[in-house]
């Protein structure tokens, strides 16, 4: 997953409360709803994230990045 994709997702979640709620409820569906293209591996990773807030979401995303680096 590229930093560009991560920055796009986290930036949007920071300024768009509706997207942030959707991202926390169902990360994969929220990202796909924004027409952000993800690889199959990225889709699987987003399907594993379960976070209650954006900070927790970000941490899990970084951890996933480290695993796939």
Protein backbone atom coordinates (compact mmCIF):
# COMPACT_ATOMS: atom_id res chain seq x y z
CA UNK A 1 0.00 0.00 0.00
CA UNK A 2 1.44 3.32 -0.98
CA UNK A 3 1.79 6.30 1.31
CA UNK A 4 -0.18 8.28 -1.25
CA UNK A 5 -3.19 5.99 -0.74
CA UNK A 6 -2.80 6.12 3.04
CA UNK A 7 -2.54 9.91 3.04
CA UNK A 8 -5.61 10.17 0.82
CA UNK A 9 -7.68 7.95 3.12
CA UNK A 10 -6.52 9.50 6.40
CA UNK A 11 -6.76 13.04 5.03
CA UNK A 12 -10.31 12.47 3.89
CA UNK A 13 -11.23 10.86 7.22
CA UNK A 14 -9.83 13.88 9.03
CA UNK A 15 -11.97 16.43 7.20
CA UNK A 16 -15.08 14.38 6.35
CA UNK A 17 -16.97 13.19 9.42
CA UNK A 18 -19.35 11.01 7.41
CA UNK A 19 -16.45 9.21 5.71
CA UNK A 20 -14.67 8.82 9.06
CA UNK A 21 -17.74 7.14 10.58
CA UNK A 22 -18.08 4.87 7.55
CA UNK A 23 -14.35 4.06 7.66
CA UNK A 24 -14.55 3.02 11.29
CA UNK A 25 -17.72 0.99 10.73
CA UNK A 26 -16.61 -0.80 7.56
CA UNK A 27 -13.19 0.25 6.29
CA UNK A 28 -13.23 -1.66 3.02
CA UNK A 29 -16.70 -0.51 1.98
CA UNK A 30 -15.90 3.09 2.93
CA UNK A 31 -12.73 3.16 0.85
CA UNK A 32 -14.38 1.48 -2.10
CA UNK A 33 -17.26 3.96 -1.81
CA UNK A 34 -14.74 6.74 -2.43
CA UNK A 35 -13.54 4.90 -5.53
CA UNK A 36 -10.05 4.52 -4.10
CA UNK A 37 -8.48 1.58 -5.87
CA UNK A 38 -6.90 -1.07 -3.69
CA UNK A 39 -5.04 -4.23 -4.60
CA UNK A 40 -6.48 -7.57 -3.48
CA UNK A 41 -3.91 -7.64 -0.66
CA UNK A 42 -4.93 -4.13 0.44
CA UNK A 43 -8.60 -5.09 0.32
CA UNK A 44 -7.88 -8.06 2.57
CA UNK A 45 -5.92 -5.82 4.96
CA UNK A 46 -8.74 -3.27 5.17
CA UNK A 47 -11.12 -6.12 5.89
CA UNK A 48 -9.15 -6.93 9.05
CA UNK A 49 -9.14 -3.46 10.59
CA UNK A 50 -11.42 -2.92 13.55
CA UNK A 51 -10.96 0.44 15.26
CA UNK A 52 -13.01 2.73 17.46
CA UNK A 53 -11.28 5.97 16.46
CA UNK A 54 -9.07 7.38 13.74
CA UNK A 55 -5.89 7.13 15.83
CA UNK A 56 -6.48 3.42 16.40
CA UNK A 57 -7.32 2.96 12.73
CA UNK A 58 -4.09 4.71 11.71
CA UNK A 59 -2.02 2.56 14.04
CA UNK A 60 -3.50 -0.65 12.65
CA UNK A 61 -2.93 0.58 9.11
CA UNK A 62 0.74 1.32 9.87
CA UNK A 63 1.12 -2.11 11.46
CA UNK A 64 -0.35 -3.71 8.35
CA UNK A 65 2.03 -1.70 6.19
CA UNK A 66 5.01 -2.93 8.18
CA UNK A 67 3.90 -6.54 7.67
CA UNK A 68 3.64 -6.12 3.92
CA UNK A 69 6.80 -4.04 3.44
